[in-house]
Structures are given as C-alpha cells and as structure tokens.
C-alpha cells in the first residue's frame, strides 16, 4: 500500500483540469451563452480503462488524436510533475473524454489533452515550457521521486506508472448523423474552467480537415489582414470568414442560433464535398480584395471597430453584385457603402440591435445590402 507523507505535493483532481485563453470580441458579436439548442441528440457513450503506457502508444501512433490547434499546452513543470506523482502514488486522477470519428475511427480528444500531453512528454523525457524544450525531471514532489525521469524511475515505480489506469468516456453522436454538433456542445461544457475556449477554436478541433485548413489559408489574405488587423488568437477572424461563406450559400436555410448553423455547415463541408476549395477561395478573395481596393481598411467599421453583422451583409451584397461581373467604378461602390451605413433600416438590424442573429434581422440586412450594391458599375 502506498503512503503519502504530510508534505506531499500531490494535488486535488481539479488541479489537473485544462486551461484556456481568450481575447476581446468584435462589435455586435452574438452572446452564445444563453442560446437554446434547437433539438435533442441521440448519443452513444461507453467507458474504457486505458493503462498509461497504452495511452502513450496510441498518442504516438495517432489512433488517439489531439488537433494541433485544440489548445496550447499550459501546464508548468511543477503541475505536470504532481500529475505524474499522483499516478505513482496510486491516487485517482480525472478521466478523459474522447469522440470516435466516423470516417477514420480515430479517437478525438475532447477533454484531457493537458494530462495526455504530460504523459507523452514524461515518457519521451522532454518538457515543453513556453515553446522551449527541456529535460522532464520531476520537480516539487516527494523526495523519493524528486529529480527523476521516466528512465531513471526505479523499475517497480516505472511498472506502476505503466499499469496505472486512466478512465475514458467515449462518445458517438447517432442522431443527427451529419455534423457531430453534439461534440461541440460537450466540448464547450467540459471546458469551463479558467477562460473558456471560443466557438471557432472548438470547431477547429472537431471539424479539422480540408475546409478548416482552407479557412486558415484564407485568413492570411493580405486585404483581410489589413482590414481585421493582427491574427485573433481565439480564431474569431476565421469564424467571420466561415460565417460569410455559410450565409452566402445557405442563407435560405438559416435558423438561429448562429453557432449551430455554422457547426452544421462546417461539419457537412468538412472535406470540401459540398463546395470546392476553388469555389470558396474565388468567392472570398474576389470579394474581400474588391472591398479593400475600393473602401480600404475602414470597411465594416461603422464605429471604428469591425462590426460582425455589417461584415456579413456587406460581403454578401458585394459578392452577389460580383456574380454579374467585375466592379470597375470604385467610387460608386464606396459611395453606395457610405449610403448603406446611413440607411436607418440597415442600422436597425446591424449596429442598433443586440439581436443580430435573429432570422428576420439577417434576412433584412442581407436584402438591404444586396439591393444597395446591385447597380454598382
């Protein structure tokens, strides 16, 4: 039986939960906290107990998968050491949540990546500390473990660590079958400690694939970067691009909440089977380049801050005009844009309301913008 000395550094279960970071919102960004989920899910879940050495092997061969942009590794060496110490002492640690992907049968990590990456690092012997790699030696733990690595642990302790069990809950969405949107909600609810992950960070993890890669590429468009500014660490700039593309193609199918609409669109087009890379790239780049050429870096900023609802309406309005051919008169486009921002009906469904994701408000602002730009030369 293992005993714990009075000065043991082993921590409570909550000390091993994951942490995140966030940034400020663009203006009129919808508050999703109280949005109602419009339907119920049918989800299958089951438990599995994995020995630690098996988890590490599965992480190495990719059968358990942590998307690279899911979250940054934020644990300090002392916190990681205490997690390893708890396993060596036989103390319980929190379980992990995994989702089985339908196409690949790989297990996507929903919650627990800090713990899993800690195990992976300890077994390889290298610890990532703010981008710097150093030797993973246990620190601020009981004296019998202090300064040890995986390879220098006594044989009995190493075997105990290898055989330690971590419980996994594995979930699979049965209905609806097309978008895995329940995984989004599970992810969001599990990641509530510290500062929560934002919506597009979660989508980037769940719907990783060709469409997600394309969004990241489009996000580096020079015209878009000049308008938006520096990269948003919470991926709200990528979410705006997704929002434009989704509303452009599927406005007539939009139902609030916006986050579910975007989840559904990104899930269905995850591997670019609905809309091709060429189709999406041409749509976004032609539109944003023309707006930047004619309006400049003040586009979408009626009050000096980029307004999300002005962005999607103007982008779709100009994109629909560009369907008929190039815009040659920049002054005319700029004049129409100025008049749009003075239109009280438009302002009522963009700048002067907090209910920008209501179906009628989206329909009205896109209609007004489309009509405003329709006759630009």
Protein backbone atom coordinates (compact mmCIF):
# COMPACT_ATOMS: atom_id res chain seq x y z
CA UNK A 1 0.00 0.00 0.00
CA UNK A 2 1.28 3.47 -0.87
CA UNK A 3 1.52 6.08 1.87
CA UNK A 4 1.58 9.85 1.50
CA UNK A 5 3.88 11.97 3.61
CA UNK A 6 2.34 15.05 5.30
CA UNK A 7 4.32 17.37 3.00
CA UNK A 8 3.24 15.62 -0.22
CA UNK A 9 2.70 17.98 -3.16
CA UNK A 10 0.02 15.78 -4.74
CA UNK A 11 -2.99 17.93 -5.63
CA UNK A 12 -6.77 17.56 -5.84
CA UNK A 13 -8.48 16.37 -9.01
CA UNK A 14 -9.41 19.93 -10.02
CA UNK A 15 -5.72 20.85 -10.28
CA UNK A 16 -5.39 18.60 -13.31
CA UNK A 17 -8.22 20.16 -15.36
CA UNK A 18 -7.31 22.03 -18.53
CA UNK A 19 -6.96 25.79 -19.04
CA UNK A 20 -7.56 28.12 -21.98
CA UNK A 21 -7.11 31.71 -23.17
CA UNK A 22 -9.35 34.30 -24.89
CA UNK A 23 -9.45 37.76 -26.44
CA UNK A 24 -11.93 40.61 -26.98
CA UNK A 25 -14.95 40.39 -29.31
CA UNK A 26 -15.58 42.33 -32.49
CA UNK A 27 -18.58 44.64 -32.12
CA UNK A 28 -22.05 43.03 -32.13
CA UNK A 29 -20.60 39.55 -31.68
CA UNK A 30 -23.52 37.39 -30.58
CA UNK A 31 -23.56 36.21 -26.96
CA UNK A 32 -23.94 32.45 -27.22
CA UNK A 33 -24.13 31.68 -23.52
CA UNK A 34 -27.93 31.51 -23.34
CA UNK A 35 -28.73 30.34 -26.86
CA UNK A 36 -31.16 27.45 -26.94
CA UNK A 37 -30.09 24.19 -28.55
CA UNK A 38 -32.90 23.63 -31.07
CA UNK A 39 -33.11 19.82 -30.84
CA UNK A 40 -32.14 16.87 -28.70
CA UNK A 41 -29.37 14.44 -29.55
CA UNK A 42 -29.11 10.68 -29.58
CA UNK A 43 -25.64 9.86 -28.26
CA UNK A 44 -23.98 6.55 -27.52
CA UNK A 45 -21.31 6.58 -24.83
CA UNK A 46 -19.27 3.91 -23.13
CA UNK A 47 -16.35 3.70 -20.75
CA UNK A 48 -12.90 2.29 -21.37
CA UNK A 49 -9.98 1.92 -18.96
CA UNK A 50 -6.59 2.50 -20.55
CA UNK A 51 -3.22 1.71 -18.96
CA UNK A 52 -0.97 4.75 -19.13
CA UNK A 53 1.61 3.09 -21.41
CA UNK A 54 -1.21 2.13 -23.82
CA UNK A 55 -2.43 5.74 -23.96
CA UNK A 56 1.08 6.97 -24.76
CA UNK A 57 1.45 4.40 -27.57
CA UNK A 58 -1.92 5.39 -29.02
CA UNK A 59 -0.94 9.06 -28.96
CA UNK A 60 2.31 8.21 -30.74
CA UNK A 61 0.64 6.18 -33.50
CA UNK A 62 -2.22 8.66 -33.93
CA UNK A 63 -5.11 6.40 -33.02
CA UNK A 64 -5.85 8.92 -30.24
CA UNK A 65 -5.65 12.35 -31.81
CA UNK A 66 -5.20 15.83 -30.32
CA UNK A 67 -5.73 18.50 -33.01
CA UNK A 68 -2.70 20.77 -33.06
CA UNK A 69 -4.77 23.92 -32.53
CA UNK A 70 -7.12 22.48 -29.93
CA UNK A 71 -5.35 24.27 -27.11
CA UNK A 72 -1.94 25.33 -26.06
CA UNK A 73 -0.06 23.25 -23.51
CA UNK A 74 -0.21 25.47 -20.45
CA UNK A 75 0.89 23.35 -17.51
CA UNK A 76 4.07 24.29 -15.68
CA UNK A 77 6.65 21.66 -14.82
CA UNK A 78 5.53 21.57 -11.17
CA UNK A 79 1.89 20.95 -12.14
CA UNK A 80 2.86 18.25 -14.65
CA UNK A 81 5.14 16.65 -12.04
CA UNK A 82 2.34 16.50 -9.49
CA UNK A 83 0.11 14.74 -12.01
CA UNK A 84 2.78 12.08 -12.61
CA UNK A 85 3.32 11.86 -8.85
CA UNK A 86 -0.38 11.18 -8.26
CA UNK A 87 -0.21 8.21 -10.63
CA UNK A 88 2.94 6.91 -8.96
CA UNK A 89 1.20 7.14 -5.58
CA UNK A 90 -1.93 5.39 -6.83
CA UNK A 91 -4.15 8.44 -6.35
CA UNK A 92 -7.22 8.90 -8.57
CA UNK A 93 -6.98 11.40 -11.42
CA UNK A 94 -9.75 12.79 -13.63
CA UNK A 95 -10.87 10.75 -16.62
CA UNK A 96 -10.70 11.91 -20.22
CA UNK A 97 -13.39 12.37 -22.88
CA UNK A 98 -12.91 11.06 -26.41
CA UNK A 99 -15.07 11.10 -29.53
CA UNK A 100 -14.89 8.34 -32.12
CA UNK A 101 -14.70 9.79 -35.63
CA UNK A 102 -16.99 8.04 -38.09
CA UNK A 103 -14.68 8.11 -41.11
CA UNK A 104 -11.30 7.29 -39.57
CA UNK A 105 -12.39 5.51 -36.36
CA UNK A 106 -9.71 7.56 -34.60
CA UNK A 107 -10.44 8.91 -31.14
CA UNK A 108 -10.52 12.70 -30.92
CA UNK A 109 -9.61 14.18 -27.54
CA UNK A 110 -12.47 16.36 -26.28
CA UNK A 111 -11.16 16.87 -22.76
CA UNK A 112 -7.89 15.82 -21.15
CA UNK A 113 -5.20 16.96 -23.54
CA UNK A 114 -3.08 18.61 -20.82
CA UNK A 115 -2.95 15.30 -18.95
CA UNK A 116 -2.28 13.26 -22.09
CA UNK A 117 0.46 15.57 -23.32
CA UNK A 118 2.03 15.47 -19.88
CA UNK A 119 2.20 11.67 -20.05
CA UNK A 120 3.58 11.80 -23.59
CA UNK A 121 6.23 14.32 -22.54
CA UNK A 122 7.28 12.33 -19.46
CA UNK A 123 7.72 9.17 -21.49
CA UNK A 124 9.81 10.95 -24.14
CA UNK A 125 11.75 12.78 -21.43
CA UNK A 126 11.23 16.25 -22.95
CA UNK A 127 9.05 19.00 -21.47
CA UNK A 128 7.69 21.96 -23.45
CA UNK A 129 7.91 25.18 -21.43
CA UNK A 130 6.65 28.25 -23.35
CA UNK A 131 8.00 26.84 -26.60
CA UNK A 132 11.33 25.83 -25.08
CA UNK A 133 12.22 22.15 -24.73
CA UNK A 134 13.93 20.92 -21.59
CA UNK A 135 14.51 17.67 -19.75
CA UNK A 136 11.42 16.38 -17.93
CA UNK A 137 12.61 15.73 -14.40
CA UNK A 138 10.03 15.58 -11.62
CA UNK A 139 10.01 18.77 -9.56
CA UNK A 140 8.46 19.69 -6.17
CA UNK A 141 7.26 16.16 -5.49
CA UNK A 142 8.01 13.66 -2.72
CA UNK A 143 11.69 13.13 -2.09
CA UNK A 144 11.78 9.58 -3.50
CA UNK A 145 10.65 10.96 -6.90
CA UNK A 146 12.37 14.36 -6.91
CA UNK A 147 14.63 14.87 -9.94
CA UNK A 148 13.76 11.54 -11.58
CA UNK A 149 12.85 11.00 -15.22
CA UNK A 150 10.83 8.14 -16.66
CA UNK A 151 14.02 6.25 -17.49
CA UNK A 152 15.56 6.79 -14.05
CA UNK A 153 12.48 5.72 -12.07
CA UNK A 154 13.05 2.51 -10.10
CA UNK A 155 11.76 -0.48 -12.02
CA UNK A 156 8.83 -1.06 -9.65
CA UNK A 157 7.70 2.60 -9.88
CA UNK A 158 8.02 2.59 -13.66
CA UNK A 159 5.88 -0.54 -13.87
CA UNK A 160 3.31 1.01 -11.53
CA UNK A 161 3.11 4.10 -13.76
CA UNK A 162 2.82 2.00 -16.94
CA UNK A 163 -0.03 -0.02 -15.41
CA UNK A 164 -1.89 2.94 -13.90
CA UNK A 165 -5.41 3.22 -15.27
CA UNK A 166 -7.00 6.33 -16.72
CA UNK A 167 -10.71 6.09 -17.42
CA UNK A 168 -12.01 7.35 -20.77
CA UNK A 169 -15.59 8.16 -21.71
CA UNK A 170 -16.02 7.63 -25.45
CA UNK A 171 -18.98 9.35 -27.10
CA UNK A 172 -20.53 8.92 -30.53
CA UNK A 173 -23.37 11.03 -31.98
CA UNK A 174 -26.03 8.81 -33.56
CA UNK A 175 -28.66 11.45 -34.39
CA UNK A 176 -28.47 13.80 -36.19
CA UNK A 177 -25.89 11.89 -38.16
CA UNK A 178 -24.40 14.51 -40.45
CA UNK A 179 -22.49 17.07 -38.40
CA UNK A 180 -21.26 15.83 -34.96
CA UNK A 181 -22.59 19.09 -33.49
CA UNK A 182 -23.24 17.43 -30.12
CA UNK A 183 -19.47 17.06 -29.74
CA UNK A 184 -19.25 20.86 -29.97
CA UNK A 185 -21.64 21.23 -27.04
CA UNK A 186 -19.91 18.53 -24.97
CA UNK A 187 -16.56 20.18 -25.63
CA UNK A 188 -17.94 23.60 -24.68
CA UNK A 189 -19.46 22.38 -21.44
CA UNK A 190 -16.44 20.37 -20.33
CA UNK A 191 -14.07 23.26 -20.96
CA UNK A 192 -15.47 25.72 -18.40
CA UNK A 193 -12.50 26.08 -16.04
CA UNK A 194 -10.31 29.18 -16.36
CA UNK A 195 -11.13 31.14 -19.51
CA UNK A 196 -13.28 29.14 -21.89
CA UNK A 197 -12.46 28.25 -25.46
CA UNK A 198 -14.26 30.30 -28.10
CA UNK A 199 -16.56 28.82 -30.72
CA UNK A 200 -14.18 28.65 -33.67
CA UNK A 201 -11.42 27.16 -31.52
CA UNK A 202 -13.79 24.29 -30.76
CA UNK A 203 -14.84 23.91 -34.41
CA UNK A 204 -11.21 23.90 -35.48
CA UNK A 205 -10.67 20.90 -33.20
CA UNK A 206 -13.82 18.95 -34.01
CA UNK A 207 -14.04 19.63 -37.75
CA UNK A 208 -10.34 19.53 -38.59
CA UNK A 209 -9.90 18.73 -42.27
CA UNK A 210 -9.58 20.35 -45.67
CA UNK A 211 -12.21 23.05 -45.10
CA UNK A 212 -10.64 24.06 -41.80
CA UNK A 213 -7.23 24.22 -43.48
CA UNK A 214 -8.71 26.41 -46.21
CA UNK A 215 -10.20 28.82 -43.67
CA UNK A 216 -6.76 29.22 -42.12
CA UNK A 217 -5.25 29.92 -45.52
CA UNK A 218 -7.93 32.47 -46.44
CA UNK A 219 -7.45 34.14 -43.08
CA UNK A 220 -3.96 35.18 -44.21
CA UNK A 221 -5.27 37.09 -47.26
CA UNK A 222 -3.43 40.42 -47.20
CA UNK A 223 -6.54 42.55 -47.83
CA UNK A 224 -8.40 40.80 -44.99
CA UNK A 225 -5.47 41.16 -42.61
CA UNK A 226 -5.25 44.88 -43.40
CA UNK A 227 -8.93 45.29 -42.51
CA UNK A 228 -9.13 42.98 -39.49
CA UNK A 229 -5.69 43.61 -38.01
CA UNK A 230 -3.45 41.09 -36.26
CA UNK A 231 -4.40 37.42 -36.07
CA UNK A 232 -7.08 36.71 -33.47
CA UNK A 233 -5.79 34.07 -31.06
CA UNK A 234 -9.35 32.85 -30.49
CA UNK A 235 -9.95 32.49 -34.26
CA UNK A 236 -12.83 34.99 -34.48
CA UNK A 237 -11.35 36.24 -37.75
CA UNK A 238 -11.65 32.70 -39.16
CA UNK A 239 -15.19 32.47 -37.82
CA UNK A 240 -16.17 35.62 -39.71
CA UNK A 241 -14.92 34.07 -42.95
CA UNK A 242 -16.88 30.88 -42.19
CA UNK A 243 -19.95 32.97 -41.41
CA UNK A 244 -19.76 34.80 -44.74
CA UNK A 245 -19.34 31.57 -46.70
CA UNK A 246 -22.13 29.76 -44.85
CA UNK A 247 -24.64 32.62 -45.18
CA UNK A 248 -23.72 33.20 -48.82
CA UNK A 249 -24.50 29.61 -49.78
CA UNK A 250 -27.17 28.72 -47.21
CA UNK A 251 -28.90 31.93 -46.11
CA UNK A 252 -32.30 30.50 -47.01
CA UNK A 253 -31.70 27.61 -44.58
CA UNK A 254 -30.53 29.76 -41.67
CA UNK A 255 -32.13 29.11 -38.30
CA UNK A 256 -30.77 30.52 -35.07
CA UNK A 257 -28.64 30.01 -33.08
CA UNK A 258 -25.80 31.12 -35.33
CA UNK A 259 -23.33 28.71 -33.71
CA UNK A 260 -25.45 25.68 -34.67
CA UNK A 261 -25.83 26.98 -38.22
CA UNK A 262 -22.04 27.32 -38.52
CA UNK A 263 -21.44 23.94 -36.88
CA UNK A 264 -23.77 22.27 -39.35
CA UNK A 265 -22.24 23.98 -42.39
CA UNK A 266 -18.65 23.26 -41.35
CA UNK A 267 -19.47 19.66 -40.45
CA UNK A 268 -21.15 18.92 -43.77
CA UNK A 269 -18.41 20.59 -45.82
CA UNK A 270 -15.53 19.36 -43.64
CA UNK A 271 -13.83 17.63 -46.59
CA UNK A 272 -14.97 20.16 -49.24
CA UNK A 273 -17.53 17.76 -50.69
CA UNK A 274 -20.36 20.33 -50.85
CA UNK A 275 -18.36 23.34 -52.06
CA UNK A 276 -14.89 23.05 -53.55
CA UNK A 277 -11.71 24.80 -52.50
CA UNK A 278 -11.63 26.71 -55.79
CA UNK A 279 -15.25 27.83 -55.40
CA UNK A 280 -14.79 29.08 -51.86
CA UNK A 281 -11.39 30.66 -52.48
CA UNK A 282 -12.63 32.59 -55.51
CA UNK A 283 -15.72 33.79 -53.65
CA UNK A 284 -13.85 35.10 -50.61
CA UNK A 285 -10.74 36.51 -52.27
CA UNK A 286 -12.56 38.28 -55.12
CA UNK A 287 -14.98 39.89 -52.67
CA UNK A 288 -12.56 40.95 -49.93
CA UNK A 289 -9.95 42.20 -52.43
CA UNK A 290 -12.52 44.41 -54.18
CA UNK A 291 -13.84 45.81 -50.90
CA UNK A 292 -10.33 46.61 -49.71
CA UNK A 293 -9.42 48.16 -53.08
CA UNK A 294 -12.44 50.47 -53.04
CA UNK A 295 -13.19 51.10 -49.36
CA UNK A 296 -9.86 50.41 -47.65
CA UNK A 297 -9.11 49.24 -44.14
CA UNK A 298 -12.11 51.08 -42.64
CA UNK A 299 -14.50 48.60 -44.24
CA UNK A 300 -17.10 47.01 -41.89
CA UNK A 301 -16.28 49.54 -39.13
CA UNK A 302 -19.19 51.95 -38.65
CA UNK A 303 -17.90 52.87 -35.17
CA UNK A 304 -14.14 52.31 -35.59
CA UNK A 305 -14.48 48.64 -34.57
CA UNK A 306 -15.25 45.86 -37.03
CA UNK A 307 -18.96 45.04 -36.78
CA UNK A 308 -19.76 41.36 -37.43
CA UNK A 309 -23.27 41.94 -38.80
CA UNK A 310 -22.12 44.76 -41.10
CA UNK A 311 -19.36 42.44 -42.31
CA UNK A 312 -21.59 39.55 -43.36
CA UNK A 313 -24.19 41.82 -45.03
CA UNK A 314 -21.68 43.91 -46.99
CA UNK A 315 -19.64 40.88 -48.03
CA UNK A 316 -22.71 39.04 -49.33
CA UNK A 317 -24.11 42.15 -51.03
CA UNK A 318 -20.84 42.83 -52.88
CA UNK A 319 -20.34 39.13 -53.69
CA UNK A 320 -23.77 38.94 -55.30
CA UNK A 321 -23.01 42.02 -57.38
CA UNK A 322 -19.70 40.43 -58.46
CA UNK A 323 -21.63 37.40 -59.74
CA UNK A 324 -22.64 39.64 -62.69
CA UNK A 325 -19.08 40.73 -63.45
CA UNK A 326 -16.26 42.90 -62.18
CA UNK A 327 -16.86 46.22 -60.43
CA UNK A 328 -15.00 48.92 -62.33
CA UNK A 329 -16.20 52.06 -60.53
CA UNK A 330 -14.61 52.07 -57.09
CA UNK A 331 -16.02 55.48 -56.25
CA UNK A 332 -19.53 54.22 -56.94
CA UNK A 333 -19.00 51.21 -54.65
CA UNK A 334 -17.59 53.44 -51.91
CA UNK A 335 -20.49 55.86 -52.28
CA UNK A 336 -23.04 53.05 -52.04
CA UNK A 337 -21.23 51.70 -48.96
CA UNK A 338 -21.42 55.12 -47.29
CA UNK A 339 -25.12 55.42 -48.07
CA UNK A 340 -25.70 51.92 -46.66
CA UNK A 341 -24.16 52.95 -43.33
CA UNK A 342 -26.54 55.94 -43.28
CA UNK A 343 -29.59 53.80 -44.00
CA UNK A 344 -31.66 53.71 -40.79
CA UNK A 345 -33.31 50.43 -41.73
CA UNK A 346 -29.89 48.84 -42.18
CA UNK A 347 -28.57 50.29 -38.93
CA UNK A 348 -31.62 48.94 -37.11
CA UNK A 349 -30.65 45.35 -37.95
CA UNK A 350 -26.88 45.73 -37.55
CA UNK A 351 -25.46 48.48 -35.37
CA UNK A 352 -28.52 49.40 -33.29
CA UNK A 353 -29.61 45.97 -32.07
CA UNK A 354 -28.22 43.22 -29.90
CA UNK A 355 -30.41 40.64 -31.69
CA UNK A 356 -28.32 40.41 -34.83
CA UNK A 357 -28.66 36.62 -35.16
CA UNK A 358 -32.47 36.70 -35.41
CA UNK A 359 -33.64 35.22 -38.72
CA UNK A 360 -35.52 38.37 -39.76
CA UNK A 361 -32.61 40.66 -38.94
CA UNK A 362 -30.20 38.57 -41.01
CA UNK A 363 -32.67 38.36 -43.90
CA UNK A 364 -33.32 42.12 -43.84
CA UNK A 365 -29.72 43.28 -43.61
CA UNK A 366 -28.58 41.00 -46.43
CA UNK A 367 -31.54 42.09 -48.58
CA UNK A 368 -30.80 45.79 -47.98
CA UNK A 369 -27.09 45.37 -48.72
CA UNK A 370 -27.76 43.28 -51.84
CA UNK A 371 -30.16 45.92 -53.20
CA UNK A 372 -27.76 48.74 -52.35
CA UNK A 373 -24.85 47.23 -54.32
CA UNK A 374 -26.87 45.69 -57.15
CA UNK A 375 -26.43 48.59 -59.58
CA UNK A 376 -22.80 49.45 -58.87
CA UNK A 377 -20.96 49.87 -62.18
